Amino acid sequence: MAQISDEEFIEAVVMERMELCYSRCAGRKSPERKSEYNKIEKAYQEAISSLSEKDKNAISKYVDSMFDNFSEEIDFFYRAGIRDGYNLYRKIMEIQGTEAEK
């Protein structure tokens, strides 16, 4: 069995967990919530369609930037939580191993 680094392990756990959570989240949205989102999306598209290409591009870049920043923050905190949990687990195992030797 190949050894993987702690960072590789955390990366694998994060990716698997995010996929699982995303699929759960997508299935949990109520019809009302989906309808509300669709209304907002329609209003956004109508507002955007009335803008010049320059303004559309500016808005699009701004929205993309906001999503990218938000994603990076979520990813950072999620990974930090996984790292903390993993390090805590390793420390507990280490302490239990030390206690078992006594």
PDB file of N, CA and C in Angstrom:
ATOM      1  N   MET A   1       0.839  -1.173   0.000  1.00  0.00           N
ATOM      2  CA  MET A   1       0.000   0.000   0.000  1.00  0.00           C
ATOM      3  C   MET A   1       0.890   1.245   0.000  1.00  0.00           C
ATOM      4  N   ALA A   2       0.594   2.181  -0.878  1.00  0.00           N
ATOM      5  CA  ALA A   2       1.390   3.400  -1.000  1.00  0.00           C
ATOM      6  C   ALA A   2       1.069   4.362   0.134  1.00  0.00           C
ATOM      7  N   GLN A   3       2.113   5.002   0.631  1.00  0.00           N
ATOM      8  CA  GLN A   3       1.944   6.016   1.669  1.00  0.00           C
ATOM      9  C   GLN A   3       1.586   7.338   1.003  1.00  0.00           C
ATOM     10  N   ILE A   4       0.673   8.061   1.601  1.00  0.00           N
ATOM     11  CA  ILE A   4       0.365   9.399   1.125  1.00  0.00           C
ATOM     12  C   ILE A   4       0.663  10.380   2.245  1.00  0.00           C
ATOM     13  N   SER A   5       0.969  11.594   1.850  1.00  0.00           N
ATOM     14  CA  SER A   5       1.267  12.619   2.848  1.00  0.00           C
ATOM     15  C   SER A   5      -0.020  13.061   3.541  1.00  0.00           C
ATOM     16  N   ASP A   6       0.131  13.719   4.674  1.00  0.00           N
ATOM     17  CA  ASP A   6      -1.031  14.257   5.381  1.00  0.00           C
ATOM     18  C   ASP A   6      -1.806  15.218   4.475  1.00  0.00           C
ATOM     19  N   GLU A   7      -1.064  16.027   3.712  1.00  0.00           N
ATOM     20  CA  GLU A   7      -1.707  16.997   2.824  1.00  0.00           C
ATOM     21  C   GLU A   7      -2.517  16.291   1.735  1.00  0.00           C
ATOM     22  N   GLU A   8      -1.983  15.217   1.177  1.00  0.00           N
ATOM     23  CA  GLU A   8      -2.709  14.447   0.156  1.00  0.00           C
ATOM     24  C   GLU A   8      -3.953  13.790   0.755  1.00  0.00           C
ATOM     25  N   PHE A   9      -3.818  13.294   1.975  1.00  0.00           N
ATOM     26  CA  PHE A   9      -4.955  12.680   2.657  1.00  0.00           C
ATOM     27  C   PHE A   9      -6.059  13.715   2.881  1.00  0.00           C
ATOM     28  N   ILE A  10      -5.675  14.876   3.382  1.00  0.00           N
ATOM     29  CA  ILE A  10      -6.647  15.936   3.639  1.00  0.00           C
ATOM     30  C   ILE A  10      -7.315  16.359   2.337  1.00  0.00           C
ATOM     31  N   GLU A  11      -6.536  16.484   1.272  1.00  0.00           N
ATOM     32  CA  GLU A  11      -7.089  16.858  -0.037  1.00  0.00           C
ATOM     33  C   GLU A  11      -8.139  15.844  -0.489  1.00  0.00           C
ATOM     34  N   ALA A  12      -7.832  14.561  -0.353  1.00  0.00           N
ATOM     35  CA  ALA A  12      -8.775  13.512  -0.768  1.00  0.00           C
ATOM     36  C   ALA A  12     -10.049  13.561   0.069  1.00  0.00           C
ATOM     37  N   VAL A  13      -9.903  13.739   1.376  1.00  0.00           N
ATOM     38  CA  VAL A  13     -11.068  13.808   2.263  1.00  0.00           C
ATOM     39  C   VAL A  13     -11.923  15.021   1.925  1.00  0.00           C
ATOM     40  N   VAL A  14     -11.288  16.147   1.712  1.00  0.00           N
ATOM     41  CA  VAL A  14     -12.017  17.379   1.402  1.00  0.00           C
ATOM     42  C   VAL A  14     -12.806  17.223   0.104  1.00  0.00           C
ATOM     43  N   MET A  15     -12.174  16.702  -0.932  1.00  0.00           N
ATOM     44  CA  MET A  15     -12.852  16.566  -2.220  1.00  0.00           C
ATOM     45  C   MET A  15     -14.042  15.606  -2.112  1.00  0.00           C
ATOM     46  N   GLU A  16     -13.838  14.480  -1.453  1.00  0.00           N
ATOM     47  CA  GLU A  16     -14.931  13.511  -1.304  1.00  0.00           C
ATOM     48  C   GLU A  16     -16.079  14.097  -0.488  1.00  0.00           C
ATOM     49  N   ARG A  17     -15.741  14.759   0.588  1.00  0.00           N
ATOM     50  CA  ARG A  17     -16.756  15.345   1.465  1.00  0.00           C
ATOM     51  C   ARG A  17     -17.523  16.470   0.758  1.00  0.00           C
ATOM     52  N   MET A  18     -16.825  17.309   0.010  1.00  0.00           N
ATOM     53  CA  MET A  18     -17.492  18.399  -0.692  1.00  0.00           C
ATOM     54  C   MET A  18     -18.458  17.858  -1.742  1.00  0.00           C
ATOM     55  N   GLU A  19     -18.069  16.796  -2.449  1.00  0.00           N
ATOM     56  CA  GLU A  19     -18.966  16.188  -3.433  1.00  0.00           C
ATOM     57  C   GLU A  19     -20.217  15.637  -2.756  1.00  0.00           C
ATOM     58  N   LEU A  20     -20.032  14.965  -1.625  1.00  0.00           N
ATOM     59  CA  LEU A  20     -21.160  14.409  -0.879  1.00  0.00           C
ATOM     60  C   LEU A  20     -22.086  15.527  -0.392  1.00  0.00           C
ATOM     61  N   CYS A  21     -21.516  16.563   0.187  1.00  0.00           N
ATOM     62  CA  CYS A  21     -22.322  17.671   0.700  1.00  0.00           C
ATOM     63  C   CYS A  21     -23.055  18.399  -0.423  1.00  0.00           C
ATOM     64  N   TYR A  22     -22.390  18.573  -1.551  1.00  0.00           N
ATOM     65  CA  TYR A  22     -23.039  19.255  -2.668  1.00  0.00           C
ATOM     66  C   TYR A  22     -24.250  18.462  -3.150  1.00  0.00           C
ATOM     67  N   SER A  23     -24.099  17.155  -3.276  1.00  0.00           N
ATOM     68  CA  SER A  23     -25.226  16.349  -3.749  1.00  0.00           C
ATOM     69  C   SER A  23     -26.370  16.365  -2.737  1.00  0.00           C
ATOM     70  N   ARG A  24     -26.047  16.370  -1.459  1.00  0.00           N
ATOM     71  CA  ARG A  24     -27.087  16.460  -0.428  1.00  0.00           C
ATOM     72  C   ARG A  24     -27.785  17.818  -0.468  1.00  0.00           C
ATOM     73  N   CYS A  25     -27.011  18.869  -0.607  1.00  0.00           N
ATOM     74  CA  CYS A  25     -27.556  20.231  -0.614  1.00  0.00           C
ATOM     75  C   CYS A  25     -28.470  20.439  -1.810  1.00  0.00           C
ATOM     76  N   ALA A  26     -28.058  19.977  -2.962  1.00  0.00           N
ATOM     77  CA  ALA A  26     -28.866  20.163  -4.170  1.00  0.00           C
ATOM     78  C   ALA A  26     -30.214  19.477  -4.037  1.00  0.00           C
ATOM     79  N   GLY A  27     -30.253  18.348  -3.360  1.00  0.00           N
ATOM     80  CA  GLY A  27     -31.499  17.610  -3.190  1.00  0.00           C
ATOM     81  C   GLY A  27     -32.395  18.147  -2.088  1.00  0.00           C
ATOM     82  N   ARG A  28     -31.863  19.004  -1.227  1.00  0.00           N
ATOM     83  CA  ARG A  28     -32.620  19.506  -0.077  1.00  0.00           C
ATOM     84  C   ARG A  28     -33.396  20.775  -0.355  1.00  0.00           C
ATOM     85  N   LYS A  29     -33.117  21.436  -1.450  1.00  0.00           N
ATOM     86  CA  LYS A  29     -33.782  22.712  -1.712  1.00  0.00           C
ATOM     87  C   LYS A  29     -35.259  22.482  -1.962  1.00  0.00           C
ATOM     88  N   SER A  30     -36.057  23.224  -1.242  1.00  0.00           N
ATOM     89  CA  SER A  30     -37.504  23.098  -1.366  1.00  0.00           C
ATOM     90  C   SER A  30     -37.967  23.684  -2.701  1.00  0.00           C
ATOM     91  N   PRO A  31     -39.135  23.271  -3.165  1.00  0.00           N
ATOM     92  CA  PRO A  31     -39.672  23.858  -4.400  1.00  0.00           C
ATOM     93  C   PRO A  31     -39.822  25.379  -4.291  1.00  0.00           C
ATOM     94  N   GLU A  32     -40.176  25.860  -3.096  1.00  0.00           N
ATOM     95  CA  GLU A  32     -40.320  27.300  -2.897  1.00  0.00           C
ATOM     96  C   GLU A  32     -38.968  28.004  -3.074  1.00  0.00           C
ATOM     97  N   ARG A  33     -37.933  27.408  -2.507  1.00  0.00           N
ATOM     98  CA  ARG A  33     -36.590  27.991  -2.601  1.00  0.00           C
ATOM     99  C   ARG A  33     -36.114  27.996  -4.051  1.00  0.00           C
ATOM    100  N   LYS A  34     -36.365  26.892  -4.762  1.00  0.00           N
ATOM    101  CA  LYS A  34     -35.989  26.820  -6.168  1.00  0.00           C
ATOM    102  C   LYS A  34     -36.757  27.863  -6.981  1.00  0.00           C
ATOM    103  N   SER A  35     -38.036  28.024  -6.683  1.00  0.00           N
ATOM    104  CA  SER A  35     -38.861  29.008  -7.385  1.00  0.00           C
ATOM    105  C   SER A  35     -38.345  30.420  -7.129  1.00  0.00           C
ATOM    106  N   GLU A  36     -38.006  30.714  -5.882  1.00  0.00           N
ATOM    107  CA  GLU A  36     -37.478  32.036  -5.536  1.00  0.00           C
ATOM    108  C   GLU A  36     -36.167  32.296  -6.268  1.00  0.00           C
ATOM    109  N   TYR A  37     -35.301  31.296  -6.301  1.00  0.00           N
ATOM    110  CA  TYR A  37     -34.031  31.444  -7.018  1.00  0.00           C
ATOM    111  C   TYR A  37     -34.289  31.725  -8.498  1.00  0.00           C
ATOM    112  N   ASN A  38     -35.220  30.985  -9.093  1.00  0.00           N
ATOM    113  CA  ASN A  38     -35.531  31.180 -10.514  1.00  0.00           C
ATOM    114  C   ASN A  38     -36.051  32.587 -10.791  1.00  0.00           C
ATOM    115  N   LYS A  39     -36.864  33.132  -9.873  1.00  0.00           N
ATOM    116  CA  LYS A  39     -37.366  34.506 -10.027  1.00  0.00           C
ATOM    117  C   LYS A  39     -36.220  35.505  -9.982  1.00  0.00           C
ATOM    118  N   ILE A  40     -35.319  35.303  -9.030  1.00  0.00           N
ATOM    119  CA  ILE A  40     -34.172  36.210  -8.893  1.00  0.00           C
ATOM    120  C   ILE A  40     -33.285  36.116 -10.135  1.00  0.00           C
ATOM    121  N   GLU A  41     -33.040  34.899 -10.594  1.00  0.00           N
ATOM    122  CA  GLU A  41     -32.222  34.697 -11.786  1.00  0.00           C
ATOM    123  C   GLU A  41     -32.850  35.370 -13.001  1.00  0.00           C
ATOM    124  N   LYS A  42     -34.173  35.252 -13.147  1.00  0.00           N
ATOM    125  CA  LYS A  42     -34.879  35.872 -14.276  1.00  0.00           C
ATOM    126  C   LYS A  42     -34.751  37.399 -14.207  1.00  0.00           C
ATOM    127  N   ALA A  43     -34.948  37.971 -13.015  1.00  0.00           N
ATOM    128  CA  ALA A  43     -34.825  39.420 -12.836  1.00  0.00           C
ATOM    129  C   ALA A  43     -33.399  39.881 -13.148  1.00  0.00           C
ATOM    130  N   TYR A  44     -32.422  39.103 -12.719  1.00  0.00           N
ATOM    131  CA  TYR A  44     -31.012  39.422 -12.994  1.00  0.00           C
ATOM    132  C   TYR A  44     -30.760  39.429 -14.497  1.00  0.00           C
ATOM    133  N   GLN A  45     -31.227  38.393 -15.187  1.00  0.00           N
ATOM    134  CA  GLN A  45     -31.027  38.302 -16.640  1.00  0.00           C
ATOM    135  C   GLN A  45     -31.706  39.464 -17.368  1.00  0.00           C
ATOM    136  N   GLU A  46     -32.893  39.853 -16.913  1.00  0.00           N
ATOM    137  CA  GLU A  46     -33.591  40.984 -17.522  1.00  0.00           C
ATOM    138  C   GLU A  46     -32.804  42.282 -17.319  1.00  0.00           C
ATOM    139  N   ALA A  47     -32.285  42.466 -16.117  1.00  0.00           N
ATOM    140  CA  ALA A  47     -31.510  43.673 -15.831  1.00  0.00           C
ATOM    141  C   ALA A  47     -30.224  43.698 -16.650  1.00  0.00           C
ATOM    142  N   ILE A  48     -29.555  42.575 -16.725  1.00  0.00           N
ATOM    143  CA  ILE A  48     -28.300  42.483 -17.482  1.00  0.00           C
ATOM    144  C   ILE A  48     -28.536  42.727 -18.967  1.00  0.00           C
ATOM    145  N   SER A  49     -29.641  42.230 -19.485  1.00  0.00           N
ATOM    146  CA  SER A  49     -29.898  42.343 -20.928  1.00  0.00           C
ATOM    147  C   SER A  49     -30.055  43.795 -21.379  1.00  0.00           C
ATOM    148  N   SER A  50     -30.395  44.671 -20.453  1.00  0.00           N
ATOM    149  CA  SER A  50     -30.581  46.073 -20.821  1.00  0.00           C
ATOM    150  C   SER A  50     -29.277  46.871 -20.795  1.00  0.00           C
ATOM    151  N   LEU A  51     -28.190  46.243 -20.380  1.00  0.00           N
ATOM    152  CA  LEU A  51     -26.903  46.942 -20.265  1.00  0.00           C
ATOM    153  C   LEU A  51     -26.090  46.838 -21.554  1.00  0.00           C
ATOM    154  N   SER A  52     -25.141  47.754 -21.681  1.00  0.00           N
ATOM    155  CA  SER A  52     -24.199  47.678 -22.803  1.00  0.00           C
ATOM    156  C   SER A  52     -23.256  46.493 -22.589  1.00  0.00           C
ATOM    157  N   GLU A  53     -22.572  46.073 -23.630  1.00  0.00           N
ATOM    158  CA  GLU A  53     -21.625  44.946 -23.507  1.00  0.00           C
ATOM    159  C   GLU A  53     -20.545  45.248 -22.474  1.00  0.00           C
ATOM    160  N   LYS A  54     -20.077  46.481 -22.460  1.00  0.00           N
ATOM    161  CA  LYS A  54     -19.041  46.884 -21.497  1.00  0.00           C
ATOM    162  C   LYS A  54     -19.556  46.713 -20.070  1.00  0.00           C
ATOM    163  N   ASP A  55     -20.784  47.185 -19.808  1.00  0.00           N
ATOM    164  CA  ASP A  55     -21.363  47.075 -18.469  1.00  0.00           C
ATOM    165  C   ASP A  55     -21.668  45.619 -18.109  1.00  0.00           C
ATOM    166  N   LYS A  56     -22.141  44.832 -19.092  1.00  0.00           N
ATOM    167  CA  LYS A  56     -22.385  43.403 -18.852  1.00  0.00           C
ATOM    168  C   LYS A  56     -21.104  42.704 -18.434  1.00  0.00           C
ATOM    169  N   ASN A  57     -20.020  43.009 -19.147  1.00  0.00           N
ATOM    170  CA  ASN A  57     -18.732  42.396 -18.816  1.00  0.00           C
ATOM    171  C   ASN A  57     -18.256  42.802 -17.426  1.00  0.00           C
ATOM    172  N   ALA A  58     -18.446  44.073 -17.081  1.00  0.00           N
ATOM    173  CA  ALA A  58     -18.037  44.554 -15.761  1.00  0.00           C
ATOM    174  C   ALA A  58     -18.819  43.843 -14.661  1.00  0.00           C
ATOM    175  N   ILE A  59     -20.125  43.735 -14.836  1.00  0.00           N
ATOM    176  CA  ILE A  59     -20.968  43.047 -13.841  1.00  0.00           C
ATOM    177  C   ILE A  59     -20.580  41.574 -13.753  1.00  0.00           C
ATOM    178  N   SER A  60     -20.394  40.960 -14.908  1.00  0.00           N
ATOM    179  CA  SER A  60     -20.028  39.540 -14.946  1.00  0.00           C
ATOM    180  C   SER A  60     -18.705  39.290 -14.213  1.00  0.00           C
ATOM    181  N   LYS A  61     -17.716  40.134 -14.476  1.00  0.00           N
ATOM    182  CA  LYS A  61     -16.417  39.991 -13.800  1.00  0.00           C
ATOM    183  C   LYS A  61     -16.564  40.202 -12.296  1.00  0.00           C
ATOM    184  N   TYR A  62     -17.371  41.167 -11.904  1.00  0.00           N
ATOM    185  CA  TYR A  62     -17.586  41.439 -10.483  1.00  0.00           C
ATOM    186  C   TYR A  62     -18.241  40.241  -9.792  1.00  0.00           C
ATOM    187  N   VAL A  63     -19.292  39.702 -10.393  1.00  0.00           N
ATOM    188  CA  VAL A  63     -19.989  38.551  -9.813  1.00  0.00           C
ATOM    189  C   VAL A  63     -19.047  37.339  -9.740  1.00  0.00           C
ATOM    190  N   ASP A  64     -18.303  37.091 -10.820  1.00  0.00           N
ATOM    191  CA  ASP A  64     -17.344  35.978 -10.823  1.00  0.00           C
ATOM    192  C   ASP A  64     -16.307  36.152  -9.720  1.00  0.00           C
ATOM    193  N   SER A  65     -15.832  37.372  -9.553  1.00  0.00           N
ATOM    194  CA  SER A  65     -14.839  37.652  -8.517  1.00  0.00           C
ATOM    195  C   SER A  65     -15.404  37.400  -7.116  1.00  0.00           C
ATOM    196  N   MET A  66     -16.648  37.825  -6.903  1.00  0.00           N
ATOM    197  CA  MET A  66     -17.283  37.593  -5.597  1.00  0.00           C
ATOM    198  C   MET A  66     -17.391  36.092  -5.317  1.00  0.00           C
ATOM    199  N   PHE A  67     -17.854  35.328  -6.299  1.00  0.00           N
ATOM    200  CA  PHE A  67     -17.984  33.879  -6.123  1.00  0.00           C
ATOM    201  C   PHE A  67     -16.627  33.229  -5.877  1.00  0.00           C
ATOM    202  N   ASP A  68     -15.606  33.664  -6.635  1.00  0.00           N
ATOM    203  CA  ASP A  68     -14.269  33.104  -6.448  1.00  0.00           C
ATOM    204  C   ASP A  68     -13.754  33.370  -5.037  1.00  0.00           C
ATOM    205  N   ASN A  69     -13.916  34.605  -4.570  1.00  0.00           N
ATOM    206  CA  ASN A  69     -13.457  34.950  -3.219  1.00  0.00           C
ATOM    207  C   ASN A  69     -14.214  34.154  -2.168  1.00  0.00           C
ATOM    208  N   PHE A  70     -15.516  34.055  -2.338  1.00  0.00           N
ATOM    209  CA  PHE A  70     -16.341  33.299  -1.388  1.00  0.00           C
ATOM    210  C   PHE A  70     -15.926  31.828  -1.376  1.00  0.00           C
ATOM    211  N   SER A  71     -15.701  31.267  -2.548  1.00  0.00           N
ATOM    212  CA  SER A  71     -15.284  29.864  -2.650  1.00  0.00           C
ATOM    213  C   SER A  71     -13.937  29.644  -1.970  1.00  0.00           C
ATOM    214  N   GLU A  72     -13.023  30.554  -2.199  1.00  0.00           N
ATOM    215  CA  GLU A  72     -11.696  30.428  -1.581  1.00  0.00           C
ATOM    216  C   GLU A  72     -11.795  30.479  -0.059  1.00  0.00           C
ATOM    217  N   GLU A  73     -12.637  31.377   0.467  1.00  0.00           N
ATOM    218  CA  GLU A  73     -12.797  31.474   1.919  1.00  0.00           C
ATOM    219  C   GLU A  73     -13.419  30.199   2.486  1.00  0.00           C
ATOM    220  N   ILE A  74     -14.461  29.704   1.848  1.00  0.00           N
ATOM    221  CA  ILE A  74     -15.107  28.472   2.320  1.00  0.00           C
ATOM    222  C   ILE A  74     -14.117  27.324   2.285  1.00  0.00           C
ATOM    223  N   ASP A  75     -13.393  27.211   1.182  1.00  0.00           N
ATOM    224  CA  ASP A  75     -12.410  26.141   1.034  1.00  0.00           C
ATOM    225  C   ASP A  75     -11.344  26.238   2.125  1.00  0.00           C
ATOM    226  N   PHE A  76     -10.852  27.446   2.376  1.00  0.00           N
ATOM    227  CA  PHE A  76      -9.823  27.645   3.405  1.00  0.00           C
ATOM    228  C   PHE A  76     -10.310  27.185   4.777  1.00  0.00           C
ATOM    229  N   PHE A  77     -11.495  27.637   5.184  1.00  0.00           N
ATOM    230  CA  PHE A  77     -12.001  27.284   6.505  1.00  0.00           C
ATOM    231  C   PHE A  77     -12.359  25.806   6.608  1.00  0.00           C
ATOM    232  N   TYR A  78     -12.887  25.241   5.536  1.00  0.00           N
ATOM    233  CA  TYR A  78     -13.217  23.821   5.537  1.00  0.00           C
ATOM    234  C   TYR A  78     -11.949  22.989   5.706  1.00  0.00           C
ATOM    235  N   ARG A  79     -10.918  23.331   4.934  1.00  0.00           N
ATOM    236  CA  ARG A  79      -9.646  22.602   5.030  1.00  0.00           C
ATOM    237  C   ARG A  79      -9.002  22.786   6.407  1.00  0.00           C
ATOM    238  N   ALA A  80      -9.114  23.987   6.954  1.00  0.00           N
ATOM    239  CA  ALA A  80      -8.561  24.227   8.287  1.00  0.00           C
ATOM    240  C   ALA A  80      -9.270  23.347   9.313  1.00  0.00           C
ATOM    241  N   GLY A  81     -10.576  23.206   9.194  1.00  0.00           N
ATOM    242  CA  GLY A  81     -11.329  22.345  10.100  1.00  0.00           C
ATOM    243  C   GLY A  81     -10.942  20.884   9.958  1.00  0.00           C
ATOM    244  N   ILE A  82     -10.762  20.436   8.710  1.00  0.00           N
ATOM    245  CA  ILE A  82     -10.334  19.052   8.477  1.00  0.00           C
ATOM    246  C   ILE A  82      -8.945  18.838   9.068  1.00  0.00           C
ATOM    247  N   ARG A  83      -8.025  19.784   8.828  1.00  0.00           N
ATOM    248  CA  ARG A  83      -6.675  19.665   9.377  1.00  0.00           C
ATOM    249  C   ARG A  83      -6.710  19.603  10.901  1.00  0.00           C
ATOM    250  N   ASP A  84      -7.493  20.487  11.510  1.00  0.00           N
ATOM    251  CA  ASP A  84      -7.591  20.498  12.966  1.00  0.00           C
ATOM    252  C   ASP A  84      -8.132  19.173  13.482  1.00  0.00           C
ATOM    253  N   GLY A  85      -9.179  18.681  12.849  1.00  0.00           N
ATOM    254  CA  GLY A  85      -9.761  17.404  13.272  1.00  0.00           C
ATOM    255  C   GLY A  85      -8.789  16.256  13.103  1.00  0.00           C
ATOM    256  N   TYR A  86      -8.089  16.241  11.978  1.00  0.00           N
ATOM    257  CA  TYR A  86      -7.117  15.180  11.712  1.00  0.00           C
ATOM    258  C   TYR A  86      -5.966  15.243  12.715  1.00  0.00           C
ATOM    259  N   ASN A  87      -5.460  16.445  12.977  1.00  0.00           N
ATOM    260  CA  ASN A  87      -4.369  16.586  13.948  1.00  0.00           C
ATOM    261  C   ASN A  87      -4.825  16.193  15.350  1.00  0.00           C
ATOM    262  N   LEU A  88      -6.041  16.548  15.713  1.00  0.00           N
ATOM    263  CA  LEU A  88      -6.583  16.159  17.007  1.00  0.00           C
ATOM    264  C   LEU A  88      -6.694  14.638  17.103  1.00  0.00           C
ATOM    265  N   TYR A  89      -7.200  14.014  16.051  1.00  0.00           N
ATOM    266  CA  TYR A  89      -7.307  12.550  16.013  1.00  0.00           C
ATOM    267  C   TYR A  89      -5.931  11.907  16.190  1.00  0.00           C
ATOM    268  N   ARG A  90      -4.936  12.403  15.460  1.00  0.00           N
ATOM    269  CA  ARG A  90      -3.578  11.843  15.575  1.00  0.00           C
ATOM    270  C   ARG A  90      -3.031  12.017  16.989  1.00  0.00           C
ATOM    271  N   LYS A  91      -3.288  13.179  17.595  1.00  0.00           N
ATOM    272  CA  LYS A  91      -2.800  13.437  18.956  1.00  0.00           C
ATOM    273  C   LYS A  91      -3.470  12.493  19.951  1.00  0.00           C
ATOM    274  N   ILE A  92      -4.783  12.289  19.794  1.00  0.00           N
ATOM    275  CA  ILE A  92      -5.503  11.374  20.687  1.00  0.00           C
ATOM    276  C   ILE A  92      -4.954   9.958  20.535  1.00  0.00           C
ATOM    277  N   MET A  93      -4.716   9.538  19.298  1.00  0.00           N
ATOM    278  CA  MET A  93      -4.153   8.203  19.072  1.00  0.00           C
ATOM    279  C   MET A  93      -2.770   8.080  19.690  1.00  0.00           C
ATOM    280  N   GLU A  94      -1.984   9.165  19.587  1.00  0.00           N
ATOM    281  CA  GLU A  94      -0.658   9.174  20.176  1.00  0.00           C
ATOM    282  C   GLU A  94      -0.744   9.059  21.696  1.00  0.00           C
ATOM    283  N   ILE A  95      -1.647   9.805  22.313  1.00  0.00           N
ATOM    284  CA  ILE A  95      -1.807   9.767  23.766  1.00  0.00           C
ATOM    285  C   ILE A  95      -2.316   8.400  24.200  1.00  0.00           C
ATOM    286  N   GLN A  96      -3.275   7.853  23.470  1.00  0.00           N
ATOM    287  CA  GLN A  96      -3.778   6.523  23.813  1.00  0.00           C
ATOM    288  C   GLN A  96      -2.684   5.481  23.689  1.00  0.00           C
ATOM    289  N   GLY A  97      -1.835   5.614  22.689  1.00  0.00           N
ATOM    290  CA  GLY A  97      -0.715   4.690  22.532  1.00  0.00           C
ATOM    291  C   GLY A  97       0.247   4.799  23.697  1.00  0.00           C
ATOM    292  N   THR A  98       0.504   6.015  24.162  1.00  0.00           N
ATOM    293  CA  THR A  98       1.388   6.243  25.296  1.00  0.00           C
ATOM    294  C   THR A  98       0.776   5.673  26.561  1.00  0.00           C
ATOM    295  N   GLU A  99      -0.529   5.878  26.738  1.00  0.00           N
ATOM    296  CA  GLU A  99      -1.227   5.358  27.917  1.00  0.00           C
ATOM    297  C   GLU A  99      -1.227   3.829  27.926  1.00  0.00           C
ATOM    298  N   ALA A 100      -1.368   3.209  26.763  1.00  0.00           N
ATOM    299  CA  ALA A 100      -1.415   1.749  26.677  1.00  0.00           C
ATOM    300  C   ALA A 100      -0.071   1.138  27.041  1.00  0.00           C
ATOM    301  N   GLU A 101       1.029   1.893  26.789  1.00  0.00           N
ATOM    302  CA  GLU A 101       2.360   1.388  27.107  1.00  0.00           C
ATOM    303  C   GLU A 101       2.658   1.418  28.605  1.00  0.00           C
ATOM    304  N   LYS A 102       1.950   2.227  29.348  1.00  0.00           N
ATOM    305  CA  LYS A 102       2.231   2.371  30.801  1.00  0.00           C
ATOM    306  C   LYS A 102       1.730   1.209  31.578  1.00  0.00           C
TER     307      LYS A 102
END
